[in-house]
Amino acid sequence: MDAKIGKFFDSIGDFFTGGDQIPWCDSDIVAGCEREVAEAEKGSSDDLKSECIMRLSWALVHSKRPEDIQRGIAMLEASLGGSSSPLQMREKLYLLAVGYYRSGDFPRSRQLVDRCLEIAPDWRQALTLKKTIEEKITKDGVIGIGIAATAVGVLVGGIAAALARKG
């Protein structure tokens, strides 16, 4: 019984804090990936450079810093045209979806994750992200409705109070 109550309160906490299963990345990891890319630029193979850039893109879109996320989105969008394999395209679309999710553009994030699922329909990671995005959109809608209802209530109450004073 106590476990069920604990889960209930955890789910309420997640509802209000926007808890999700997407990992965060700290600035030390971003800096390490940037150094790795700089080293790879000094004459490494194209495959190694590409691998390092993908790791940096991953770190950037998982960062807690909005400017890192935007940089990661820009890098991924610039590299989309050069994706040779469906697997590479799937990975880039997924990371873009994460970036847009982290930046609050949920409709764009959902669109990108849907494109991932066209390539790999049962990719669990993309399915989990899609569920997270849809829950966030639903929650934001519920909160928006609550705010609107509160505003209407305050307005109606104000009108009623004004009418009561007049009468």
C-alpha atoms as a PDB file:
ATOM      1  CA  MET A   1       0.000   0.000   0.000  1.00  0.00           C
ATOM      2  CA  ASP A   2       2.809   2.419   0.914  1.00  0.00           C
ATOM      3  CA  ALA A   3       4.518   1.671  -2.417  1.00  0.00           C
ATOM      4  CA  LYS A   4       1.342   2.556  -4.322  1.00  0.00           C
ATOM      5  CA  ILE A   5       1.012   5.830  -2.417  1.00  0.00           C
ATOM      6  CA  GLY A   6       4.678   6.613  -3.134  1.00  0.00           C
ATOM      7  CA  LYS A   7       4.181   5.952  -6.869  1.00  0.00           C
ATOM      8  CA  PHE A   8       1.092   8.162  -6.844  1.00  0.00           C
ATOM      9  CA  PHE A   9       2.995  11.094  -5.321  1.00  0.00           C
ATOM     10  CA  ASP A  10       5.949  10.508  -7.675  1.00  0.00           C
ATOM     11  CA  SER A  11       3.619  10.652 -10.684  1.00  0.00           C
ATOM     12  CA  ILE A  12       2.065  13.893  -9.383  1.00  0.00           C
ATOM     13  CA  GLY A  13       5.557  15.338  -8.932  1.00  0.00           C
ATOM     14  CA  ASP A  14       6.494  14.298 -12.486  1.00  0.00           C
ATOM     15  CA  PHE A  15       3.278  15.888 -13.776  1.00  0.00           C
ATOM     16  CA  PHE A  16       4.178  19.279 -12.361  1.00  0.00           C
ATOM     17  CA  THR A  17       7.947  19.157 -12.909  1.00  0.00           C
ATOM     18  CA  GLY A  18       7.810  17.669 -16.394  1.00  0.00           C
ATOM     19  CA  GLY A  19       9.904  14.637 -15.437  1.00  0.00           C
ATOM     20  CA  ASP A  20      10.933  12.511 -18.405  1.00  0.00           C
ATOM     21  CA  GLN A  21      13.341   9.685 -19.160  1.00  0.00           C
ATOM     22  CA  ILE A  22      15.617  11.647 -21.508  1.00  0.00           C
ATOM     23  CA  PRO A  23      19.148  11.919 -20.092  1.00  0.00           C
ATOM     24  CA  TRP A  24      20.893  15.220 -19.461  1.00  0.00           C
ATOM     25  CA  CYS A  25      24.486  15.966 -20.346  1.00  0.00           C
ATOM     26  CA  ASP A  26      26.784  18.314 -18.424  1.00  0.00           C
ATOM     27  CA  SER A  27      29.164  20.895 -19.847  1.00  0.00           C
ATOM     28  CA  ASP A  28      32.257  18.732 -19.150  1.00  0.00           C
ATOM     29  CA  ILE A  29      31.008  16.085 -21.566  1.00  0.00           C
ATOM     30  CA  VAL A  30      30.199  18.738 -24.185  1.00  0.00           C
ATOM     31  CA  ALA A  31      33.720  20.181 -23.805  1.00  0.00           C
ATOM     32  CA  GLY A  32      35.263  16.706 -24.119  1.00  0.00           C
ATOM     33  CA  CYS A  33      33.295  16.044 -27.319  1.00  0.00           C
ATOM     34  CA  GLU A  34      34.372  19.424 -28.704  1.00  0.00           C
ATOM     35  CA  ARG A  35      38.032  18.534 -28.053  1.00  0.00           C
ATOM     36  CA  GLU A  36      37.462  15.143 -29.719  1.00  0.00           C
ATOM     37  CA  VAL A  37      36.038  16.847 -32.847  1.00  0.00           C
ATOM     38  CA  ALA A  38      38.949  19.317 -32.939  1.00  0.00           C
ATOM     39  CA  GLU A  39      41.439  16.411 -32.774  1.00  0.00           C
ATOM     40  CA  ALA A  40      39.567  14.490 -35.485  1.00  0.00           C
ATOM     41  CA  GLU A  41      39.685  17.566 -37.757  1.00  0.00           C
ATOM     42  CA  LYS A  42      43.509  17.277 -37.802  1.00  0.00           C
ATOM     43  CA  GLY A  43      43.650  14.595 -40.460  1.00  0.00           C
ATOM     44  CA  SER A  44      41.498  11.726 -39.218  1.00  0.00           C
ATOM     45  CA  SER A  45      39.303   9.693 -41.537  1.00  0.00           C
ATOM     46  CA  ASP A  46      35.919  11.056 -42.563  1.00  0.00           C
ATOM     47  CA  ASP A  47      34.230   8.210 -40.681  1.00  0.00           C
ATOM     48  CA  LEU A  48      35.992   9.131 -37.433  1.00  0.00           C
ATOM     49  CA  LYS A  49      35.170  12.830 -37.916  1.00  0.00           C
ATOM     50  CA  SER A  50      31.533  11.946 -38.554  1.00  0.00           C
ATOM     51  CA  GLU A  51      31.437   9.726 -35.455  1.00  0.00           C
ATOM     52  CA  CYS A  52      32.916  12.503 -33.284  1.00  0.00           C
ATOM     53  CA  ILE A  53      30.461  15.059 -34.666  1.00  0.00           C
ATOM     54  CA  MET A  54      27.543  12.706 -33.885  1.00  0.00           C
ATOM     55  CA  ARG A  55      28.777  12.341 -30.289  1.00  0.00           C
ATOM     56  CA  LEU A  56      29.059  16.125 -29.998  1.00  0.00           C
ATOM     57  CA  SER A  57      25.553  16.539 -31.463  1.00  0.00           C
ATOM     58  CA  TRP A  58      24.236  14.025 -28.914  1.00  0.00           C
ATOM     59  CA  ALA A  59      25.912  15.897 -26.060  1.00  0.00           C
ATOM     60  CA  LEU A  60      24.641  19.285 -27.265  1.00  0.00           C
ATOM     61  CA  VAL A  61      20.952  18.321 -27.596  1.00  0.00           C
ATOM     62  CA  HIS A  62      21.078  16.613 -24.193  1.00  0.00           C
ATOM     63  CA  SER A  63      22.676  19.652 -22.541  1.00  0.00           C
ATOM     64  CA  LYS A  64      20.924  21.740 -19.894  1.00  0.00           C
ATOM     65  CA  ARG A  65      22.119  24.927 -21.615  1.00  0.00           C
ATOM     66  CA  PRO A  66      19.650  26.277 -24.214  1.00  0.00           C
ATOM     67  CA  GLU A  67      22.475  27.684 -26.357  1.00  0.00           C
ATOM     68  CA  ASP A  68      24.074  24.211 -26.564  1.00  0.00           C
ATOM     69  CA  ILE A  69      20.742  22.690 -27.593  1.00  0.00           C
ATOM     70  CA  GLN A  70      20.316  25.288 -30.349  1.00  0.00           C
ATOM     71  CA  ARG A  71      23.866  24.632 -31.564  1.00  0.00           C
ATOM     72  CA  GLY A  72      23.176  20.886 -31.626  1.00  0.00           C
ATOM     73  CA  ILE A  73      19.966  21.428 -33.613  1.00  0.00           C
ATOM     74  CA  ALA A  74      21.831  23.609 -36.131  1.00  0.00           C
ATOM     75  CA  MET A  75      24.625  21.024 -36.531  1.00  0.00           C
ATOM     76  CA  LEU A  76      22.163  18.186 -37.051  1.00  0.00           C
ATOM     77  CA  GLU A  77      20.015  20.082 -39.529  1.00  0.00           C
ATOM     78  CA  ALA A  78      23.114  21.055 -41.512  1.00  0.00           C
ATOM     79  CA  SER A  79      24.226  17.411 -41.652  1.00  0.00           C
ATOM     80  CA  LEU A  80      20.869  15.847 -42.594  1.00  0.00           C
ATOM     81  CA  GLY A  81      21.511  16.089 -46.330  1.00  0.00           C
ATOM     82  CA  GLY A  82      24.756  14.156 -46.001  1.00  0.00           C
ATOM     83  CA  SER A  83      23.180  11.108 -44.367  1.00  0.00           C
ATOM     84  CA  SER A  84      24.060   8.119 -46.507  1.00  0.00           C
ATOM     85  CA  SER A  85      22.288   5.309 -44.668  1.00  0.00           C
ATOM     86  CA  PRO A  86      18.778   4.974 -43.201  1.00  0.00           C
ATOM     87  CA  LEU A  87      20.388   4.205 -39.826  1.00  0.00           C
ATOM     88  CA  GLN A  88      22.336   7.487 -39.904  1.00  0.00           C
ATOM     89  CA  MET A  89      19.202   9.391 -40.935  1.00  0.00           C
ATOM     90  CA  ARG A  90      17.210   7.739 -38.127  1.00  0.00           C
ATOM     91  CA  GLU A  91      19.829   8.719 -35.536  1.00  0.00           C
ATOM     92  CA  LYS A  92      20.000  12.334 -36.715  1.00  0.00           C
ATOM     93  CA  LEU A  93      16.199  12.686 -36.830  1.00  0.00           C
ATOM     94  CA  TYR A  94      15.962  11.246 -33.321  1.00  0.00           C
ATOM     95  CA  LEU A  95      18.579  13.637 -31.949  1.00  0.00           C
ATOM     96  CA  LEU A  96      16.823  16.550 -33.688  1.00  0.00           C
ATOM     97  CA  ALA A  97      13.559  15.436 -32.072  1.00  0.00           C
ATOM     98  CA  VAL A  98      15.289  15.442 -28.666  1.00  0.00           C
ATOM     99  CA  GLY A  99      16.695  18.915 -29.350  1.00  0.00           C
ATOM    100  CA  TYR A 100      13.310  20.321 -30.315  1.00  0.00           C
ATOM    101  CA  TYR A 101      11.713  18.605 -27.308  1.00  0.00           C
ATOM    102  CA  ARG A 102      14.292  20.173 -24.979  1.00  0.00           C
ATOM    103  CA  SER A 103      13.756  23.589 -26.586  1.00  0.00           C
ATOM    104  CA  GLY A 104       9.975  23.323 -26.124  1.00  0.00           C
ATOM    105  CA  ASP A 105       8.941  22.909 -29.778  1.00  0.00           C
ATOM    106  CA  PHE A 106       6.838  19.807 -29.133  1.00  0.00           C
ATOM    107  CA  PRO A 107       4.945  19.717 -32.477  1.00  0.00           C
ATOM    108  CA  ARG A 108       8.248  19.827 -34.442  1.00  0.00           C
ATOM    109  CA  SER A 109       9.721  17.194 -32.117  1.00  0.00           C
ATOM    110  CA  ARG A 110       6.717  14.904 -32.679  1.00  0.00           C
ATOM    111  CA  GLN A 111       6.982  15.371 -36.453  1.00  0.00           C
ATOM    112  CA  LEU A 112      10.662  14.346 -36.404  1.00  0.00           C
ATOM    113  CA  VAL A 113      10.106  11.341 -34.165  1.00  0.00           C
ATOM    114  CA  ASP A 114       7.320  10.220 -36.523  1.00  0.00           C
ATOM    115  CA  ARG A 115       9.865  10.361 -39.380  1.00  0.00           C
ATOM    116  CA  CYS A 116      12.194   8.173 -37.276  1.00  0.00           C
ATOM    117  CA  LEU A 117       9.406   5.678 -36.809  1.00  0.00           C
ATOM    118  CA  GLU A 118       8.797   5.567 -40.578  1.00  0.00           C
ATOM    119  CA  ILE A 119      12.385   4.313 -40.902  1.00  0.00           C
ATOM    120  CA  ALA A 120      12.269   1.997 -37.863  1.00  0.00           C
ATOM    121  CA  PRO A 121       8.640   1.442 -36.738  1.00  0.00           C
ATOM    122  CA  ASP A 122       9.458  -0.511 -33.584  1.00  0.00           C
ATOM    123  CA  TRP A 123      12.507   1.452 -32.372  1.00  0.00           C
ATOM    124  CA  ARG A 124      11.831   1.531 -28.639  1.00  0.00           C
ATOM    125  CA  GLN A 125      13.808   4.715 -27.976  1.00  0.00           C
ATOM    126  CA  ALA A 126      11.780   6.694 -30.541  1.00  0.00           C
ATOM    127  CA  LEU A 127       8.507   5.180 -29.294  1.00  0.00           C
ATOM    128  CA  THR A 128       9.389   6.264 -25.750  1.00  0.00           C
ATOM    129  CA  LEU A 129      10.233   9.792 -26.923  1.00  0.00           C
ATOM    130  CA  LYS A 130       6.953   9.998 -28.853  1.00  0.00           C
ATOM    131  CA  LYS A 131       5.006   8.968 -25.738  1.00  0.00           C
ATOM    132  CA  THR A 132       6.917  11.567 -23.681  1.00  0.00           C
ATOM    133  CA  ILE A 133       6.168  14.295 -26.244  1.00  0.00           C
ATOM    134  CA  GLU A 134       2.471  13.414 -26.382  1.00  0.00           C
ATOM    135  CA  GLU A 135       2.221  13.380 -22.574  1.00  0.00           C
ATOM    136  CA  LYS A 136       3.899  16.804 -22.463  1.00  0.00           C
ATOM    137  CA  ILE A 137       1.518  18.215 -25.090  1.00  0.00           C
ATOM    138  CA  THR A 138      -1.483  16.793 -23.191  1.00  0.00           C
ATOM    139  CA  LYS A 139      -0.202  18.101 -19.850  1.00  0.00           C
ATOM    140  CA  ASP A 140       0.453  21.562 -21.282  1.00  0.00           C
ATOM    141  CA  GLY A 141      -3.063  21.537 -22.723  1.00  0.00           C
ATOM    142  CA  VAL A 142      -4.577  20.587 -19.355  1.00  0.00           C
ATOM    143  CA  ILE A 143      -2.577  23.306 -17.597  1.00  0.00           C
ATOM    144  CA  GLY A 144      -3.602  25.817 -20.288  1.00  0.00           C
ATOM    145  CA  ILE A 145      -7.250  24.914 -19.847  1.00  0.00           C
ATOM    146  CA  GLY A 146      -6.865  25.309 -16.068  1.00  0.00           C
ATOM    147  CA  ILE A 147      -5.300  28.750 -16.475  1.00  0.00           C
ATOM    148  CA  ALA A 148      -8.027  29.803 -18.918  1.00  0.00           C
ATOM    149  CA  ALA A 149     -10.760  28.518 -16.598  1.00  0.00           C
ATOM    150  CA  THR A 150      -9.213  30.403 -13.684  1.00  0.00           C
ATOM    151  CA  ALA A 151      -9.051  33.596 -15.744  1.00  0.00           C
ATOM    152  CA  VAL A 152     -12.708  33.221 -16.758  1.00  0.00           C
ATOM    153  CA  GLY A 153     -13.652  32.586 -13.121  1.00  0.00           C
ATOM    154  CA  VAL A 154     -11.830  35.713 -11.970  1.00  0.00           C
ATOM    155  CA  LEU A 155     -13.456  37.759 -14.750  1.00  0.00           C
ATOM    156  CA  VAL A 156     -16.965  36.467 -13.967  1.00  0.00           C
ATOM    157  CA  GLY A 157     -16.366  37.023 -10.252  1.00  0.00           C
ATOM    158  CA  GLY A 158     -15.221  40.590 -10.937  1.00  0.00           C
ATOM    159  CA  ILE A 159     -18.289  41.303 -13.060  1.00  0.00           C
ATOM    160  CA  ALA A 160     -20.577  39.808 -10.425  1.00  0.00           C
ATOM    161  CA  ALA A 161     -18.917  41.884  -7.686  1.00  0.00           C
ATOM    162  CA  ALA A 162     -19.244  45.050  -9.810  1.00  0.00           C
ATOM    163  CA  LEU A 163     -22.920  44.339 -10.463  1.00  0.00           C
ATOM    164  CA  ALA A 164     -23.521  43.641  -6.778  1.00  0.00           C
ATOM    165  CA  ARG A 165     -21.988  47.025  -5.865  1.00  0.00           C
ATOM    166  CA  LYS A 166     -24.141  48.837  -8.414  1.00  0.00           C
ATOM    167  CA  GLY A 167     -27.387  47.192  -7.287  1.00  0.00           C
END
